[in-house]
N, C-alpha and C. Protein backbone atom coordinates (compact mmCIF):
# COMPACT_ATOMS: atom_id res chain seq x y z
N MET A 1 185.85 108.11 12.60
CA MET A 1 185.83 109.22 12.71
C MET A 1 185.17 110.31 11.49
N THR A 2 186.17 110.06 10.46
CA THR A 2 186.12 110.73 9.06
C THR A 2 184.59 110.49 8.56
N GLU A 3 183.80 108.98 8.83
CA GLU A 3 182.17 108.90 8.50
C GLU A 3 181.74 109.88 9.47
N ASP A 4 181.84 109.78 10.39
CA ASP A 4 181.16 111.02 11.60
C ASP A 4 180.92 112.22 11.20
N LEU A 5 182.20 112.49 10.73
CA LEU A 5 182.71 113.81 10.14
C LEU A 5 181.70 114.15 8.94
N ASP A 6 181.77 113.25 7.79
CA ASP A 6 180.79 113.43 6.84
C ASP A 6 179.64 113.65 7.06
N VAL A 7 178.92 112.54 7.87
CA VAL A 7 177.66 112.86 8.19
C VAL A 7 177.27 114.20 8.77
N ARG A 8 178.21 114.42 9.93
CA ARG A 8 177.66 116.21 10.25
C ARG A 8 178.11 117.19 8.91
N ARG A 9 178.88 117.01 8.26
CA ARG A 9 178.70 118.11 7.23
C ARG A 9 177.62 118.04 6.32
N LYS A 10 177.02 116.77 5.88
CA LYS A 10 175.99 116.62 5.34
C LYS A 10 175.02 117.14 5.89
N ARG A 11 174.88 116.66 7.13
CA ARG A 11 173.65 117.11 8.26
C ARG A 11 173.61 118.77 8.43
N ALA A 12 174.51 119.51 8.49
CA ALA A 12 174.98 120.67 8.36
C ALA A 12 174.45 121.33 7.18
N ALA A 13 175.11 120.92 6.09
CA ALA A 13 174.80 121.63 4.67
C ALA A 13 173.01 121.67 4.75
N TYR A 14 172.43 120.36 5.00
CA TYR A 14 170.95 120.49 4.90
C TYR A 14 170.39 121.50 5.60
N ARG A 15 170.61 121.51 6.76
CA ARG A 15 170.00 122.74 7.90
C ARG A 15 170.31 124.15 7.52
N ALA A 16 171.58 124.18 6.88
CA ALA A 16 172.03 125.41 6.65
C ALA A 16 171.23 126.19 5.26
N ALA A 17 170.85 124.92 4.21
CA ALA A 17 170.08 125.16 2.84
C ALA A 17 168.54 125.44 3.23
N HIS A 18 167.94 124.66 4.23
CA HIS A 18 166.56 124.51 4.59
C HIS A 18 166.33 125.20 5.91
N ARG A 19 166.16 126.56 5.81
CA ARG A 19 165.91 127.48 7.00
C ARG A 19 164.49 127.75 7.08
N GLY A 20 164.01 127.77 5.93
CA GLY A 20 162.65 128.33 6.24
C GLY A 20 162.19 129.98 5.66
N THR A 21 163.14 130.47 5.31
CA THR A 21 162.97 131.41 4.58
C THR A 21 163.85 131.49 3.24
N LYS A 22 163.68 131.69 2.28
CA LYS A 22 164.74 131.80 0.72
C LYS A 22 165.84 132.48 1.30
N GLU A 23 166.09 133.70 1.94
CA GLU A 23 166.79 134.59 1.84
C GLU A 23 167.99 134.14 3.07
N MET A 24 167.43 133.08 4.04
CA MET A 24 168.53 132.32 4.98
C MET A 24 169.10 131.21 4.24
N ASP A 25 168.15 130.64 3.41
CA ASP A 25 168.55 129.26 2.70
C ASP A 25 169.81 129.47 1.83
N ALA A 26 169.83 130.70 1.43
CA ALA A 26 170.65 131.22 0.14
C ALA A 26 171.82 131.78 1.08
N LEU A 27 171.57 132.45 2.40
CA LEU A 27 172.89 133.00 2.69
C LEU A 27 173.98 132.14 3.62
N LEU A 28 173.14 131.07 4.26
CA LEU A 28 173.54 130.28 4.76
C LEU A 28 173.94 128.94 3.80
N GLY A 29 173.45 128.62 3.27
CA GLY A 29 173.23 127.36 2.35
C GLY A 29 174.39 127.59 1.70
N ARG A 30 174.34 128.40 0.70
CA ARG A 30 175.22 128.67 -0.15
C ARG A 30 176.92 128.67 0.65
N TYR A 31 176.77 129.60 1.86
CA TYR A 31 178.08 129.32 2.83
C TYR A 31 178.43 127.91 2.91
N ALA A 32 177.61 127.23 3.31
CA ALA A 32 177.69 125.86 3.95
C ALA A 32 178.45 125.45 3.00
N ALA A 33 177.63 125.18 1.69
CA ALA A 33 178.28 124.28 0.13
C ALA A 33 179.47 124.88 0.04
N ALA A 34 180.13 126.16 0.10
CA ALA A 34 181.44 126.36 -0.49
C ALA A 34 182.46 125.70 0.49
N HIS A 35 181.94 125.71 2.00
CA HIS A 35 183.21 125.62 3.09
C HIS A 35 183.10 124.32 3.82
N LEU A 36 181.98 123.87 3.68
CA LEU A 36 181.75 122.70 4.39
C LEU A 36 182.93 121.69 4.28
N GLN A 37 183.27 121.00 3.27
CA GLN A 37 183.96 120.12 2.90
C GLN A 37 185.63 120.48 3.18
N THR A 38 185.87 121.30 3.57
CA THR A 38 187.14 121.69 3.86
C THR A 38 187.21 122.02 5.63
N MET A 39 186.02 122.52 5.99
CA MET A 39 185.70 123.06 7.45
C MET A 39 186.60 122.03 8.43
N ALA A 40 187.40 122.20 9.26
CA ALA A 40 187.67 122.03 10.25
C ALA A 40 186.57 121.42 11.21
N GLU A 41 186.98 120.38 12.09
CA GLU A 41 186.11 119.92 12.95
C GLU A 41 185.50 121.22 14.07
N ARG A 42 186.20 121.90 14.89
CA ARG A 42 186.40 122.97 15.63
C ARG A 42 185.29 124.32 14.80
N ASP A 43 185.47 124.39 13.57
CA ASP A 43 184.63 124.90 12.76
C ASP A 43 183.55 124.91 12.30
N LEU A 44 183.12 123.27 12.29
CA LEU A 44 182.03 122.70 11.71
C LEU A 44 181.21 122.80 13.40
N ASP A 45 181.93 122.47 14.42
CA ASP A 45 181.23 122.74 15.79
C ASP A 45 180.35 124.08 15.66
N ARG A 46 180.91 125.00 15.58
CA ARG A 46 180.75 126.47 15.65
C ARG A 46 179.49 126.75 14.55
N LEU A 47 179.60 126.00 13.73
CA LEU A 47 178.54 126.39 12.47
C LEU A 47 177.18 125.29 12.94
N GLU A 48 177.45 124.07 13.59
CA GLU A 48 176.14 123.89 13.88
C GLU A 48 175.57 124.57 15.09
N LYS A 49 176.38 125.24 15.79
CA LYS A 49 175.56 125.67 16.74
C LYS A 49 174.82 127.24 16.13
N LEU A 50 175.49 127.78 15.61
CA LEU A 50 175.10 128.99 14.51
C LEU A 50 173.53 128.57 14.08
N ILE A 51 173.56 127.51 13.13
CA ILE A 51 172.43 127.14 12.60
C ILE A 51 171.17 126.72 13.68
N GLN A 52 171.64 126.74 14.99
CA GLN A 52 170.62 126.58 15.65
C GLN A 52 169.51 127.82 15.96
N ILE A 53 170.29 128.96 15.69
CA ILE A 53 170.00 130.26 16.09
C ILE A 53 168.56 130.88 15.48
N ALA A 54 167.90 131.19 15.58
CA ALA A 54 166.45 131.76 14.72
C ALA A 54 166.85 132.72 13.97
N ASP A 55 166.06 132.34 12.75
CA ASP A 55 166.39 133.07 11.47
C ASP A 55 166.64 134.85 11.61
N PRO A 56 165.45 135.29 12.56
CA PRO A 56 165.44 136.67 12.48
C PRO A 56 166.86 137.38 13.17
N THR A 57 167.11 136.44 14.18
CA THR A 57 168.47 136.80 14.93
C THR A 57 169.57 136.77 14.03
N LEU A 58 169.92 135.33 12.85
CA LEU A 58 170.90 135.13 12.35
C LEU A 58 170.85 136.57 10.81
N GLU A 59 169.68 136.70 10.83
CA GLU A 59 169.46 137.47 9.24
C GLU A 59 169.78 139.07 9.71
N ALA A 60 169.79 139.30 11.06
CA ALA A 60 170.10 140.94 11.53
C ALA A 60 171.64 140.78 11.57
N TRP A 61 172.41 139.68 12.12
CA TRP A 61 173.90 139.66 12.41
C TRP A 61 174.16 139.48 10.96
N ILE A 62 173.71 138.75 9.93
CA ILE A 62 174.60 138.81 8.83
C ILE A 62 174.14 140.26 7.84
N LEU A 63 173.16 140.73 7.77
CA LEU A 63 172.77 141.71 7.13
C LEU A 63 173.44 142.89 8.12
N GLY A 64 174.00 143.06 9.12
CA GLY A 64 174.36 144.39 9.58
C GLY A 64 173.60 144.89 10.23
N LYS A 65 172.12 144.51 10.59
CA LYS A 65 171.16 145.28 11.27
C LYS A 65 171.07 145.35 12.86
N SER A 66 171.87 144.65 13.10
CA SER A 66 172.07 144.46 14.88
C SER A 66 173.62 143.81 15.15
N PRO A 67 174.16 144.16 16.11
CA PRO A 67 175.54 143.60 16.42
C PRO A 67 175.50 142.15 17.06
N VAL A 68 176.59 141.43 16.71
CA VAL A 68 176.59 140.26 16.89
C VAL A 68 176.99 140.28 18.47
N ASP A 69 175.83 139.30 18.83
CA ASP A 69 176.00 140.09 20.53
C ASP A 69 176.75 138.47 21.35
N GLN A 70 177.20 137.45 20.79
CA GLN A 70 177.78 136.28 21.13
C GLN A 70 178.92 136.36 20.42
N ASN A 71 180.07 136.47 21.19
CA ASN A 71 181.49 136.51 20.63
C ASN A 71 181.83 135.19 19.91
N ASP A 72 181.14 134.04 20.57
CA ASP A 72 181.73 132.77 19.64
C ASP A 72 181.37 132.92 18.09
N PHE A 73 180.39 133.53 17.80
CA PHE A 73 180.02 133.67 16.38
C PHE A 73 180.50 135.28 15.39
N GLU A 74 181.18 135.59 16.34
CA GLU A 74 181.63 136.99 15.62
C GLU A 74 182.41 136.93 14.38
N LEU A 75 183.67 136.41 14.40
CA LEU A 75 184.30 135.70 13.14
C LEU A 75 183.67 134.92 12.34
N LEU A 76 182.87 134.03 12.42
CA LEU A 76 181.83 133.43 11.66
C LEU A 76 181.43 134.50 10.98
N ILE A 77 180.07 135.06 11.56
CA ILE A 77 179.54 136.04 11.13
C ILE A 77 179.88 136.78 10.08
N ARG A 78 181.30 137.10 10.55
CA ARG A 78 181.91 138.27 9.78
C ARG A 78 182.65 137.69 8.45
N ASP A 79 183.13 136.07 8.21
CA ASP A 79 183.05 135.04 7.13
C ASP A 79 182.20 135.08 6.45
N ILE A 80 180.77 135.05 6.83
CA ILE A 80 179.93 134.70 6.02
C ILE A 80 179.52 135.83 5.57
N ARG A 81 179.74 137.10 5.98
CA ARG A 81 179.39 138.70 5.41
C ARG A 81 180.15 138.77 4.23
N SER A 82 181.45 138.58 4.48
CA SER A 82 182.40 138.59 3.56
C SER A 82 182.27 137.44 2.31
N PHE A 83 182.05 136.30 2.47
CA PHE A 83 181.37 135.58 1.16
C PHE A 83 180.58 136.15 0.48
N HIS A 84 179.34 136.60 1.09
CA HIS A 84 178.36 137.24 0.06
C HIS A 84 179.00 138.87 -0.25
N GLY A 85 179.77 139.17 0.02
CA GLY A 85 180.21 140.73 -0.26
C GLY A 85 179.36 141.51 0.69
N LEU A 86 179.17 141.23 1.89
CA LEU A 86 178.23 142.23 2.68
C LEU A 86 179.43 142.88 3.74
N GLU A 87 180.27 143.36 3.50
CA GLU A 87 181.47 143.69 4.23
C GLU A 87 180.96 145.05 4.94
N GLN A 88 181.10 144.92 6.30
CA GLN A 88 180.51 145.85 7.24
C GLN A 88 181.58 147.29 6.82
N THR A 89 180.88 148.69 6.92
CA THR A 89 181.75 149.85 6.63
C THR A 89 182.36 150.06 7.93
N GLY A 90 182.11 149.36 9.06
CA GLY A 90 182.76 150.22 10.33
C GLY A 90 181.80 151.00 11.11
N ARG A 91 180.71 151.84 10.32
CA ARG A 91 179.90 152.61 11.04
C ARG A 91 178.72 151.92 11.16
N GLU A 92 178.48 150.74 11.04
CA GLU A 92 176.97 149.97 11.34
C GLU A 92 177.05 149.33 12.60
N ASN A 93 175.69 149.74 13.25
CA ASN A 93 175.94 149.32 14.40
C ASN A 93 176.53 149.67 15.50
N THR A 94 177.57 150.69 15.30
CA THR A 94 178.53 151.15 16.52
C THR A 94 177.98 152.26 17.23
N GLY A 95 176.96 153.36 16.56
CA GLY A 95 176.62 154.30 17.15
C GLY A 95 177.40 155.23 17.36
N SER A 96 178.93 155.01 16.63
CA SER A 96 179.69 156.31 16.67
C SER A 96 179.73 157.44 15.45
N ARG A 97 179.88 158.51 15.65
CA ARG A 97 179.80 159.52 14.54
C ARG A 97 181.36 159.64 14.43
N THR A 98 181.39 159.42 12.84
CA THR A 98 182.65 160.04 12.04
C THR A 98 182.91 161.52 12.21
N GLU A 99 184.20 162.18 11.65
CA GLU A 99 184.58 163.40 11.55
C GLU A 99 183.24 164.00 10.61
N SER A 100 183.15 163.46 9.47
CA SER A 100 181.92 163.75 8.41
C SER A 100 180.68 164.24 9.16
N ASP A 101 180.37 162.79 9.97
CA ASP A 101 179.03 162.88 10.57
C ASP A 101 178.99 164.52 11.51
N SER A 102 180.06 164.97 12.41
CA SER A 102 180.33 165.74 13.04
C SER A 102 179.65 167.17 12.43
N GLU A 103 180.68 166.91 11.24
CA GLU A 103 180.95 168.18 10.35
C GLU A 103 179.18 168.73 9.89
N ARG A 104 178.50 167.96 9.69
CA ARG A 104 177.32 168.11 9.41
C ARG A 104 176.07 168.57 10.36
N SER A 105 176.35 168.18 11.58
CA SER A 105 175.98 168.55 12.85
C SER A 105 175.81 170.03 12.91
């Protein structure tokens, strides 16, 4: 089982780092390189599913351009964002107005 897990980790690392765009190669590849060796099998399952999603969708989720529309990936996307210092401010993609926004209107 350990050997199988090692093979899966290597495959996931390769797929995360060879996406098709340099931006996604960096965003997913660096995250995978830093986390895969200690990632639990359940988390590896989730990452393997995530890397099957098309780059434009993943990029929008990671960069906060659109909300994560699949709850299975919400925590993983949040972790990737945090790893890269791309913390959401809480105002992105919520459509809600803050008190200071209301004062400006």
